[in-house]
Amino acid sequence: MIIEVGRVCRKTTGKDAGKYCVIVEKIDDNYVMTEGIAQKRKKTSILHLEPLPKVLEIKKGASTDEVKKKLEEENLA
């Protein structure tokens, strides 16, 4: 799977393990900025993410409201 803005992922480690999030910005080859319904926007290692086939149509750096609205539309909340 390609790591890209809008890609829906499942967290695999930490307190958010098992929860869905969306990549809102690619920082470098190892880190991305993610955000989810129950997770604030934060820097995440790509090794801690399981990319899913779903890609949401959001722009780089989308607002928190936009991200949450898209996740709710896809029933990933």
N, C-alpha and C. Protein backbone atom coordinates (compact mmCIF):
# COMPACT_ATOMS: atom_id res chain seq x y z
N MET A 1 0.84 -1.19 0.00
CA MET A 1 0.00 0.00 0.00
C MET A 1 0.88 1.25 0.00
N ILE A 2 0.39 2.25 -0.63
CA ILE A 2 1.11 3.51 -0.71
C ILE A 2 0.72 4.39 0.48
N ILE A 3 1.73 4.98 1.10
CA ILE A 3 1.49 5.93 2.18
C ILE A 3 1.26 7.29 1.52
N GLU A 4 0.02 7.80 1.63
CA GLU A 4 -0.35 9.05 0.96
C GLU A 4 -1.38 9.79 1.80
N VAL A 5 -1.55 11.07 1.52
CA VAL A 5 -2.55 11.88 2.22
C VAL A 5 -3.93 11.32 1.89
N GLY A 6 -4.72 11.12 2.94
CA GLY A 6 -6.07 10.60 2.76
C GLY A 6 -6.19 9.10 3.00
N ARG A 7 -5.07 8.41 3.07
CA ARG A 7 -5.08 6.96 3.28
C ARG A 7 -5.60 6.64 4.69
N VAL A 8 -6.59 5.77 4.76
CA VAL A 8 -7.12 5.33 6.05
C VAL A 8 -6.21 4.21 6.56
N CYS A 9 -5.87 4.28 7.84
CA CYS A 9 -4.99 3.29 8.46
C CYS A 9 -5.57 2.84 9.79
N ARG A 10 -5.09 1.71 10.25
CA ARG A 10 -5.40 1.24 11.60
C ARG A 10 -4.12 1.30 12.40
N LYS A 11 -4.19 1.88 13.59
CA LYS A 11 -3.02 1.94 14.47
C LYS A 11 -2.74 0.53 15.00
N THR A 12 -1.47 0.14 15.04
CA THR A 12 -1.12 -1.21 15.47
C THR A 12 -0.47 -1.25 16.84
N THR A 13 -0.03 -0.11 17.36
CA THR A 13 0.64 -0.09 18.66
C THR A 13 0.17 1.10 19.49
N GLY A 14 0.50 1.07 20.76
CA GLY A 14 0.19 2.18 21.64
C GLY A 14 -1.23 2.18 22.15
N LYS A 15 -1.60 3.25 22.82
CA LYS A 15 -2.93 3.33 23.42
C LYS A 15 -4.05 3.41 22.38
N ASP A 16 -3.71 3.81 21.15
CA ASP A 16 -4.70 3.92 20.08
C ASP A 16 -4.75 2.67 19.20
N ALA A 17 -4.09 1.60 19.60
CA ALA A 17 -4.04 0.38 18.80
C ALA A 17 -5.45 -0.10 18.46
N GLY A 18 -5.66 -0.42 17.19
CA GLY A 18 -6.96 -0.90 16.73
C GLY A 18 -7.89 0.19 16.25
N LYS A 19 -7.55 1.44 16.49
CA LYS A 19 -8.40 2.56 16.07
C LYS A 19 -8.01 3.02 14.67
N TYR A 20 -9.00 3.59 13.98
CA TYR A 20 -8.77 4.09 12.63
C TYR A 20 -8.26 5.53 12.67
N CYS A 21 -7.44 5.85 11.69
CA CYS A 21 -6.95 7.22 11.54
C CYS A 21 -6.73 7.49 10.06
N VAL A 22 -6.47 8.74 9.74
CA VAL A 22 -6.24 9.17 8.37
C VAL A 22 -4.92 9.92 8.31
N ILE A 23 -4.14 9.68 7.26
CA ILE A 23 -2.91 10.42 7.06
C ILE A 23 -3.28 11.80 6.51
N VAL A 24 -2.89 12.85 7.22
CA VAL A 24 -3.21 14.21 6.78
C VAL A 24 -2.00 14.93 6.21
N GLU A 25 -0.80 14.38 6.45
CA GLU A 25 0.41 14.99 5.91
C GLU A 25 1.55 13.99 5.98
N LYS A 26 2.37 13.94 4.93
CA LYS A 26 3.56 13.10 4.95
C LYS A 26 4.74 13.96 5.36
N ILE A 27 5.43 13.58 6.43
CA ILE A 27 6.54 14.37 6.95
C ILE A 27 7.84 13.99 6.26
N ASP A 28 8.16 12.69 6.26
CA ASP A 28 9.34 12.18 5.55
C ASP A 28 9.10 10.70 5.25
N ASP A 29 10.15 9.95 4.94
CA ASP A 29 9.99 8.54 4.59
C ASP A 29 9.59 7.66 5.77
N ASN A 30 9.74 8.15 7.00
CA ASN A 30 9.45 7.34 8.18
C ASN A 30 8.25 7.82 9.00
N TYR A 31 7.86 9.07 8.85
CA TYR A 31 6.81 9.63 9.69
C TYR A 31 5.73 10.33 8.87
N VAL A 32 4.51 10.26 9.42
CA VAL A 32 3.37 10.97 8.85
C VAL A 32 2.61 11.63 9.98
N MET A 33 1.76 12.59 9.64
CA MET A 33 0.88 13.22 10.61
C MET A 33 -0.47 12.55 10.44
N THR A 34 -1.02 12.00 11.54
CA THR A 34 -2.30 11.30 11.47
C THR A 34 -3.32 11.96 12.39
N GLU A 35 -4.58 11.67 12.11
CA GLU A 35 -5.67 12.17 12.96
C GLU A 35 -6.84 11.20 12.83
N GLY A 36 -7.56 11.04 13.92
CA GLY A 36 -8.72 10.15 13.92
C GLY A 36 -9.82 10.71 14.80
N ILE A 37 -10.92 9.99 14.88
CA ILE A 37 -12.05 10.43 15.70
C ILE A 37 -11.64 10.52 17.16
N ALA A 38 -10.99 9.47 17.66
CA ALA A 38 -10.62 9.43 19.08
C ALA A 38 -9.15 9.77 19.30
N GLN A 39 -8.52 10.32 18.27
CA GLN A 39 -7.09 10.61 18.35
C GLN A 39 -6.82 12.01 17.85
N LYS A 40 -6.05 12.77 18.61
CA LYS A 40 -5.66 14.11 18.18
C LYS A 40 -4.62 13.98 17.07
N ARG A 41 -4.43 15.04 16.34
CA ARG A 41 -3.43 15.07 15.28
C ARG A 41 -2.05 14.90 15.89
N LYS A 42 -1.29 13.91 15.39
CA LYS A 42 0.04 13.70 15.93
C LYS A 42 0.96 12.99 14.94
N LYS A 43 2.24 13.17 15.17
CA LYS A 43 3.27 12.55 14.35
C LYS A 43 3.30 11.05 14.68
N THR A 44 3.29 10.21 13.63
CA THR A 44 3.24 8.77 13.81
C THR A 44 4.23 8.09 12.89
N SER A 45 4.92 7.09 13.40
CA SER A 45 5.82 6.28 12.58
C SER A 45 4.98 5.41 11.64
N ILE A 46 5.39 5.29 10.39
CA ILE A 46 4.65 4.44 9.46
C ILE A 46 4.74 2.97 9.86
N LEU A 47 5.70 2.61 10.70
CA LEU A 47 5.81 1.23 11.18
C LEU A 47 4.70 0.89 12.16
N HIS A 48 4.01 1.90 12.70
CA HIS A 48 2.94 1.69 13.66
C HIS A 48 1.56 1.78 13.01
N LEU A 49 1.53 1.76 11.68
CA LEU A 49 0.27 1.88 10.94
C LEU A 49 0.05 0.67 10.03
N GLU A 50 -1.20 0.27 9.92
CA GLU A 50 -1.60 -0.75 8.94
C GLU A 50 -2.44 -0.03 7.89
N PRO A 51 -1.86 0.26 6.72
CA PRO A 51 -2.62 0.96 5.67
C PRO A 51 -3.77 0.09 5.18
N LEU A 52 -4.92 0.71 4.98
CA LEU A 52 -6.09 0.01 4.46
C LEU A 52 -6.34 0.47 3.03
N PRO A 53 -7.12 -0.29 2.26
CA PRO A 53 -7.34 0.06 0.85
C PRO A 53 -8.10 1.38 0.64
N LYS A 54 -8.81 1.86 1.66
CA LYS A 54 -9.65 3.07 1.54
C LYS A 54 -8.80 4.34 1.54
N VAL A 55 -9.11 5.26 0.62
CA VAL A 55 -8.46 6.57 0.58
C VAL A 55 -9.56 7.64 0.57
N LEU A 56 -9.51 8.53 1.56
CA LEU A 56 -10.48 9.63 1.63
C LEU A 56 -9.98 10.81 0.81
N GLU A 57 -10.91 11.54 0.25
CA GLU A 57 -10.53 12.70 -0.56
C GLU A 57 -10.40 13.92 0.34
N ILE A 58 -9.20 14.08 0.88
CA ILE A 58 -8.89 15.27 1.67
C ILE A 58 -7.60 15.86 1.15
N LYS A 59 -7.41 17.13 1.42
CA LYS A 59 -6.19 17.81 1.00
C LYS A 59 -5.16 17.75 2.11
N LYS A 60 -3.90 17.93 1.75
CA LYS A 60 -2.81 17.95 2.73
C LYS A 60 -3.11 18.99 3.80
N GLY A 61 -3.00 18.60 5.06
CA GLY A 61 -3.23 19.53 6.16
C GLY A 61 -4.69 19.87 6.38
N ALA A 62 -5.61 19.00 5.98
CA ALA A 62 -7.05 19.25 6.14
C ALA A 62 -7.37 19.54 7.60
N SER A 63 -8.41 20.33 7.82
CA SER A 63 -8.79 20.69 9.19
C SER A 63 -9.34 19.47 9.93
N THR A 64 -9.34 19.57 11.25
CA THR A 64 -9.86 18.50 12.10
C THR A 64 -11.32 18.20 11.76
N ASP A 65 -12.11 19.23 11.54
CA ASP A 65 -13.53 19.04 11.22
C ASP A 65 -13.71 18.29 9.91
N GLU A 66 -12.91 18.62 8.90
CA GLU A 66 -12.99 17.94 7.61
C GLU A 66 -12.67 16.46 7.75
N VAL A 67 -11.61 16.16 8.49
CA VAL A 67 -11.17 14.77 8.67
C VAL A 67 -12.25 13.97 9.39
N LYS A 68 -12.78 14.51 10.48
CA LYS A 68 -13.80 13.79 11.25
C LYS A 68 -15.08 13.59 10.44
N LYS A 69 -15.45 14.60 9.65
CA LYS A 69 -16.64 14.48 8.81
C LYS A 69 -16.47 13.36 7.79
N LYS A 70 -15.31 13.29 7.14
CA LYS A 70 -15.05 12.25 6.15
C LYS A 70 -15.05 10.86 6.79
N LEU A 71 -14.44 10.73 7.97
CA LEU A 71 -14.43 9.44 8.67
C LEU A 71 -15.84 8.99 9.03
N GLU A 72 -16.67 9.93 9.48
CA GLU A 72 -18.05 9.60 9.82
C GLU A 72 -18.85 9.20 8.59
N GLU A 73 -18.60 9.87 7.44
CA GLU A 73 -19.29 9.52 6.19
C GLU A 73 -18.96 8.09 5.78
N GLU A 74 -17.74 7.64 6.06
CA GLU A 74 -17.31 6.29 5.68
C GLU A 74 -17.58 5.26 6.78
N ASN A 75 -18.30 5.69 7.84
CA ASN A 75 -18.63 4.81 8.98
C ASN A 75 -17.39 4.24 9.65
N LEU A 76 -16.34 5.04 9.76
CA LEU A 76 -15.11 4.62 10.42
C LEU A 76 -14.94 5.31 11.76
N ALA A 77 -15.99 5.95 12.22
CA ALA A 77 -15.94 6.68 13.50
C ALA A 77 -16.06 5.73 14.67
